[in-house]
Amino acid sequence: METTVAETTKVVYGVNELELDLAGRSISGIWKNLAQVLNIPRDALVTVNGARVEDDYVVRPGDEIEFQKAAGVKGHTA
């Protein structure tokens, strides 16, 4: 029986979930490509496999990226 390694990256933002080939790309590059598609705000918090990461983190095959809106900002006006 052959074991397969997950080669895609799961990207989650709210109810949106995508499986993409993003290995080798940085979080900032991924955000630039998906910001409009998923309506991800630039100040979104980012976790990879449940741990907080910075914009220069380079994604590996099988990683799960989650963009999260900071709590308490929905409908907030300055």
C-alpha atoms as a PDB file:
ATOM      1  CA  MET A   1       0.000   0.000   0.000  1.00  0.00           C
ATOM      2  CA  GLU A   2       1.389   3.386  -1.014  1.00  0.00           C
ATOM      3  CA  THR A   3       1.333   6.356   1.342  1.00  0.00           C
ATOM      4  CA  THR A   4       0.609   9.719  -0.240  1.00  0.00           C
ATOM      5  CA  VAL A   5       1.713  13.045   1.171  1.00  0.00           C
ATOM      6  CA  ALA A   6      -0.668  15.962   0.989  1.00  0.00           C
ATOM      7  CA  GLU A   7       0.785  18.251  -1.653  1.00  0.00           C
ATOM      8  CA  THR A   8      -1.861  20.935  -1.580  1.00  0.00           C
ATOM      9  CA  THR A   9      -2.327  23.699   0.946  1.00  0.00           C
ATOM     10  CA  LYS A  10      -5.696  24.354   2.550  1.00  0.00           C
ATOM     11  CA  VAL A  11      -6.553  28.058   2.782  1.00  0.00           C
ATOM     12  CA  VAL A  12      -9.407  29.096   5.072  1.00  0.00           C
ATOM     13  CA  TYR A  13     -10.995  32.509   5.592  1.00  0.00           C
ATOM     14  CA  GLY A  14     -14.393  32.541   7.265  1.00  0.00           C
ATOM     15  CA  VAL A  15     -16.681  30.160   5.383  1.00  0.00           C
ATOM     16  CA  ASN A  16     -14.332  30.079   2.378  1.00  0.00           C
ATOM     17  CA  GLU A  17     -12.009  27.101   1.981  1.00  0.00           C
ATOM     18  CA  LEU A  18      -9.664  26.360  -0.925  1.00  0.00           C
ATOM     19  CA  GLU A  19      -7.149  23.591  -1.703  1.00  0.00           C
ATOM     20  CA  LEU A  20      -4.268  25.058  -3.717  1.00  0.00           C
ATOM     21  CA  ASP A  21      -0.672  24.268  -4.673  1.00  0.00           C
ATOM     22  CA  LEU A  22       1.094  26.996  -2.667  1.00  0.00           C
ATOM     23  CA  ALA A  23       4.212  25.239  -1.339  1.00  0.00           C
ATOM     24  CA  GLY A  24       7.283  27.456  -1.529  1.00  0.00           C
ATOM     25  CA  ARG A  25       5.331  30.722  -1.434  1.00  0.00           C
ATOM     26  CA  SER A  26       5.349  33.256   1.392  1.00  0.00           C
ATOM     27  CA  ILE A  27       2.272  34.245   3.369  1.00  0.00           C
ATOM     28  CA  SER A  28       2.544  37.831   2.038  1.00  0.00           C
ATOM     29  CA  GLY A  29       2.592  36.544  -1.558  1.00  0.00           C
ATOM     30  CA  ILE A  30      -0.391  34.292  -0.912  1.00  0.00           C
ATOM     31  CA  TRP A  31      -2.299  37.191   0.649  1.00  0.00           C
ATOM     32  CA  LYS A  32      -1.563  39.391  -2.398  1.00  0.00           C
ATOM     33  CA  ASN A  33      -2.958  36.701  -4.706  1.00  0.00           C
ATOM     34  CA  LEU A  34      -6.042  35.849  -2.652  1.00  0.00           C
ATOM     35  CA  ALA A  35      -6.976  39.159  -0.968  1.00  0.00           C
ATOM     36  CA  GLN A  36      -9.570  40.150  -3.550  1.00  0.00           C
ATOM     37  CA  VAL A  37     -10.776  36.628  -4.275  1.00  0.00           C
ATOM     38  CA  LEU A  38     -11.598  35.891  -0.628  1.00  0.00           C
ATOM     39  CA  ASN A  39     -11.976  39.527   0.563  1.00  0.00           C
ATOM     40  CA  ILE A  40      -9.198  39.099   3.144  1.00  0.00           C
ATOM     41  CA  PRO A  41      -8.320  42.320   5.003  1.00  0.00           C
ATOM     42  CA  ARG A  42      -4.610  43.208   5.203  1.00  0.00           C
ATOM     43  CA  ASP A  43      -4.740  43.235   9.010  1.00  0.00           C
ATOM     44  CA  ALA A  44      -6.050  39.654   9.188  1.00  0.00           C
ATOM     45  CA  LEU A  45      -4.225  37.386  11.621  1.00  0.00           C
ATOM     46  CA  VAL A  46      -2.584  34.373   9.995  1.00  0.00           C
ATOM     47  CA  THR A  47      -2.050  30.903  11.417  1.00  0.00           C
ATOM     48  CA  VAL A  48      -0.436  27.903   9.789  1.00  0.00           C
ATOM     49  CA  ASN A  49      -1.376  24.536  11.262  1.00  0.00           C
ATOM     50  CA  GLY A  50      -2.834  26.401  14.248  1.00  0.00           C
ATOM     51  CA  ALA A  51       0.298  28.443  15.089  1.00  0.00           C
ATOM     52  CA  ARG A  52       0.639  32.191  14.501  1.00  0.00           C
ATOM     53  CA  VAL A  53       3.106  33.045  11.690  1.00  0.00           C
ATOM     54  CA  GLU A  54       4.620  36.165  10.139  1.00  0.00           C
ATOM     55  CA  ASP A  55       4.279  37.331   6.529  1.00  0.00           C
ATOM     56  CA  ASP A  56       7.664  35.871   5.535  1.00  0.00           C
ATOM     57  CA  TYR A  57       6.708  32.293   6.500  1.00  0.00           C
ATOM     58  CA  VAL A  58       7.228  29.958   3.534  1.00  0.00           C
ATOM     59  CA  VAL A  59       4.434  27.420   3.088  1.00  0.00           C
ATOM     60  CA  ARG A  60       5.187  23.684   2.948  1.00  0.00           C
ATOM     61  CA  PRO A  61       3.134  20.958   1.258  1.00  0.00           C
ATOM     62  CA  GLY A  62       0.203  19.930   3.449  1.00  0.00           C
ATOM     63  CA  ASP A  63       0.105  23.141   5.504  1.00  0.00           C
ATOM     64  CA  GLU A  64      -3.248  24.628   6.501  1.00  0.00           C
ATOM     65  CA  ILE A  65      -3.381  28.420   6.382  1.00  0.00           C
ATOM     66  CA  GLU A  66      -6.150  30.287   8.147  1.00  0.00           C
ATOM     67  CA  PHE A  67      -6.722  34.027   7.820  1.00  0.00           C
ATOM     68  CA  GLN A  68      -8.727  35.447  10.734  1.00  0.00           C
ATOM     69  CA  LYS A  69     -10.317  38.855  11.145  1.00  0.00           C
ATOM     70  CA  ALA A  70      -9.267  40.466  14.415  1.00  0.00           C
ATOM     71  CA  ALA A  71     -12.008  40.222  17.038  1.00  0.00           C
ATOM     72  CA  GLY A  72     -14.225  43.230  17.544  1.00  0.00           C
ATOM     73  CA  VAL A  73     -13.624  44.932  14.191  1.00  0.00           C
ATOM     74  CA  LYS A  74     -16.794  43.939  12.368  1.00  0.00           C
ATOM     75  CA  GLY A  75     -18.790  47.096  11.786  1.00  0.00           C
ATOM     76  CA  HIS A  76     -16.262  49.134  13.784  1.00  0.00           C
ATOM     77  CA  THR A  77     -15.859  52.799  12.788  1.00  0.00           C
ATOM     78  CA  ALA A  78     -13.053  55.067  13.938  1.00  0.00           C
END
